[in-house]
Amino acid sequence: MHRPRHTIGGLIALNLVLIVMLALVTFAPSVQAGGREQAAGDYMIVGGRINGATSNAVFVLDQRTGALLSFLYDRSSKKLRGLSARSVANDAKRFSPSR
């Protein structure tokens, strides 16, 4: 089965973006935030699809703060576009069953 050329190109671009983001968070120096030191590298990065989107997305989870960020690769401008930021802890509280 022959895959269209643009599909493979999009996957290669997504992988390059993921590698760059991983390098940025891995080699970034520690920062002092709110009186406590936060080490770089406490992130989880996952690529995936979004229903109705023509490009794949990148989801970044900050494991210390519980912030979930989503980005979409815009093929026309060849840039990452921020989609949303959510608090996983707040969402879990809102959707957890009441006791």
C-alpha atoms as a PDB file:
ATOM      1  CA  MET A   1       0.000   0.000   0.000  1.00  0.00           C
ATOM      2  CA  HIS A   2       1.389   3.368  -1.002  1.00  0.00           C
ATOM      3  CA  ARG A   3       0.960   6.259   1.467  1.00  0.00           C
ATOM      4  CA  PRO A   4       0.476   9.764   0.143  1.00  0.00           C
ATOM      5  CA  ARG A   5       3.625  11.868   0.262  1.00  0.00           C
ATOM      6  CA  HIS A   6       2.021  14.611   2.397  1.00  0.00           C
ATOM      7  CA  THR A   7       1.112  12.100   5.133  1.00  0.00           C
ATOM      8  CA  ILE A   8       4.692  10.930   5.526  1.00  0.00           C
ATOM      9  CA  GLY A   9       5.929  14.527   5.410  1.00  0.00           C
ATOM     10  CA  GLY A  10       3.484  15.494   8.151  1.00  0.00           C
ATOM     11  CA  LEU A  11       4.607  12.604  10.340  1.00  0.00           C
ATOM     12  CA  ILE A  12       8.250  13.535   9.838  1.00  0.00           C
ATOM     13  CA  ALA A  13       7.473  17.165  10.738  1.00  0.00           C
ATOM     14  CA  LEU A  14       5.570  16.080  13.859  1.00  0.00           C
ATOM     15  CA  ASN A  15       8.475  13.870  14.963  1.00  0.00           C
ATOM     16  CA  LEU A  16      10.939  16.721  14.460  1.00  0.00           C
ATOM     17  CA  VAL A  17       8.744  19.030  16.537  1.00  0.00           C
ATOM     18  CA  LEU A  18       8.530  16.419  19.307  1.00  0.00           C
ATOM     19  CA  ILE A  19      12.313  15.945  19.299  1.00  0.00           C
ATOM     20  CA  VAL A  20      12.911  19.711  19.511  1.00  0.00           C
ATOM     21  CA  MET A  21      10.396  20.087  22.356  1.00  0.00           C
ATOM     22  CA  LEU A  22      11.943  17.159  24.206  1.00  0.00           C
ATOM     23  CA  ALA A  23      15.404  18.656  23.800  1.00  0.00           C
ATOM     24  CA  LEU A  24      14.181  22.036  25.053  1.00  0.00           C
ATOM     25  CA  VAL A  25      12.635  20.669  28.235  1.00  0.00           C
ATOM     26  CA  THR A  26      15.474  18.202  28.848  1.00  0.00           C
ATOM     27  CA  PHE A  27      18.356  20.643  28.533  1.00  0.00           C
ATOM     28  CA  ALA A  28      16.635  23.703  29.997  1.00  0.00           C
ATOM     29  CA  PRO A  29      18.185  24.899  33.247  1.00  0.00           C
ATOM     30  CA  SER A  30      16.285  24.702  36.520  1.00  0.00           C
ATOM     31  CA  VAL A  31      14.138  27.717  37.253  1.00  0.00           C
ATOM     32  CA  GLN A  32      13.211  29.300  40.555  1.00  0.00           C
ATOM     33  CA  ALA A  33       9.426  29.699  40.676  1.00  0.00           C
ATOM     34  CA  GLY A  34       7.432  30.705  43.694  1.00  0.00           C
ATOM     35  CA  GLY A  35      10.284  30.121  46.121  1.00  0.00           C
ATOM     36  CA  ARG A  36      10.937  26.541  45.045  1.00  0.00           C
ATOM     37  CA  GLU A  37      13.227  25.118  42.428  1.00  0.00           C
ATOM     38  CA  GLN A  38      11.560  23.286  39.565  1.00  0.00           C
ATOM     39  CA  ALA A  39      13.732  20.879  37.623  1.00  0.00           C
ATOM     40  CA  ALA A  40      13.484  20.700  33.870  1.00  0.00           C
ATOM     41  CA  GLY A  41      12.321  17.446  32.386  1.00  0.00           C
ATOM     42  CA  ASP A  42       9.183  16.828  34.442  1.00  0.00           C
ATOM     43  CA  TYR A  43       7.082  16.790  31.308  1.00  0.00           C
ATOM     44  CA  MET A  44       5.261  14.163  29.303  1.00  0.00           C
ATOM     45  CA  ILE A  45       4.822  14.824  25.563  1.00  0.00           C
ATOM     46  CA  VAL A  46       2.422  12.844  23.381  1.00  0.00           C
ATOM     47  CA  GLY A  47       1.420  13.251  19.756  1.00  0.00           C
ATOM     48  CA  GLY A  48      -2.117  12.487  18.662  1.00  0.00           C
ATOM     49  CA  ARG A  49      -5.065  13.298  16.459  1.00  0.00           C
ATOM     50  CA  ILE A  50      -7.879  15.750  17.034  1.00  0.00           C
ATOM     51  CA  ASN A  51     -11.265  15.070  15.477  1.00  0.00           C
ATOM     52  CA  GLY A  52     -11.945  17.451  12.621  1.00  0.00           C
ATOM     53  CA  ALA A  53      -8.363  18.744  12.411  1.00  0.00           C
ATOM     54  CA  THR A  54      -6.244  18.267   9.315  1.00  0.00           C
ATOM     55  CA  SER A  55      -2.988  18.140  11.293  1.00  0.00           C
ATOM     56  CA  ASN A  56      -1.851  16.141  14.285  1.00  0.00           C
ATOM     57  CA  ALA A  57      -1.527  17.670  17.730  1.00  0.00           C
ATOM     58  CA  VAL A  58       1.110  17.668  20.440  1.00  0.00           C
ATOM     59  CA  PHE A  59      -0.001  17.404  24.073  1.00  0.00           C
ATOM     60  CA  VAL A  60       2.404  18.477  26.843  1.00  0.00           C
ATOM     61  CA  LEU A  61       1.718  17.582  30.486  1.00  0.00           C
ATOM     62  CA  ASP A  62       3.658  19.350  33.244  1.00  0.00           C
ATOM     63  CA  GLN A  63       3.732  16.613  35.871  1.00  0.00           C
ATOM     64  CA  ARG A  64       4.516  18.991  38.737  1.00  0.00           C
ATOM     65  CA  THR A  65       1.749  21.524  38.177  1.00  0.00           C
ATOM     66  CA  GLY A  66      -0.777  19.318  36.376  1.00  0.00           C
ATOM     67  CA  ALA A  67      -1.047  21.755  33.448  1.00  0.00           C
ATOM     68  CA  LEU A  68      -1.981  20.142  30.130  1.00  0.00           C
ATOM     69  CA  LEU A  69      -1.110  22.161  27.016  1.00  0.00           C
ATOM     70  CA  SER A  70      -2.114  21.305  23.460  1.00  0.00           C
ATOM     71  CA  PHE A  71      -0.548  22.490  20.222  1.00  0.00           C
ATOM     72  CA  LEU A  72      -1.503  21.972  16.583  1.00  0.00           C
ATOM     73  CA  TYR A  73       0.965  22.056  13.700  1.00  0.00           C
ATOM     74  CA  ASP A  74      -0.297  24.547  11.119  1.00  0.00           C
ATOM     75  CA  ARG A  75       0.867  23.254   7.737  1.00  0.00           C
ATOM     76  CA  SER A  76       0.232  26.512   5.869  1.00  0.00           C
ATOM     77  CA  SER A  77       2.448  28.610   8.160  1.00  0.00           C
ATOM     78  CA  LYS A  78       4.643  25.665   9.238  1.00  0.00           C
ATOM     79  CA  LYS A  79       4.359  26.681  12.893  1.00  0.00           C
ATOM     80  CA  LEU A  80       2.960  25.260  16.109  1.00  0.00           C
ATOM     81  CA  ARG A  81      -0.250  26.940  17.207  1.00  0.00           C
ATOM     82  CA  GLY A  82      -1.305  26.814  20.860  1.00  0.00           C
ATOM     83  CA  LEU A  83      -4.800  25.380  21.272  1.00  0.00           C
ATOM     84  CA  SER A  84      -5.573  25.236  24.957  1.00  0.00           C
ATOM     85  CA  ALA A  85      -4.279  24.926  28.498  1.00  0.00           C
ATOM     86  CA  ARG A  86      -6.104  22.969  31.191  1.00  0.00           C
ATOM     87  CA  SER A  87      -5.548  21.977  34.789  1.00  0.00           C
ATOM     88  CA  VAL A  88      -5.779  18.199  35.090  1.00  0.00           C
ATOM     89  CA  ALA A  89      -6.307  18.445  38.865  1.00  0.00           C
ATOM     90  CA  ASN A  90      -9.250  20.845  38.463  1.00  0.00           C
ATOM     91  CA  ASP A  91     -10.812  18.679  35.759  1.00  0.00           C
ATOM     92  CA  ALA A  92     -10.422  15.554  37.902  1.00  0.00           C
ATOM     93  CA  LYS A  93     -12.148  17.274  40.837  1.00  0.00           C
ATOM     94  CA  ARG A  94     -14.996  18.482  38.650  1.00  0.00           C
ATOM     95  CA  PHE A  95     -15.650  15.109  37.032  1.00  0.00           C
ATOM     96  CA  SER A  96     -15.021  12.824  40.001  1.00  0.00           C
ATOM     97  CA  PRO A  97     -18.109  11.185  41.518  1.00  0.00           C
ATOM     98  CA  SER A  98     -19.429  12.847  44.642  1.00  0.00           C
ATOM     99  CA  ARG A  99     -19.302  10.876  47.861  1.00  0.00           C
END
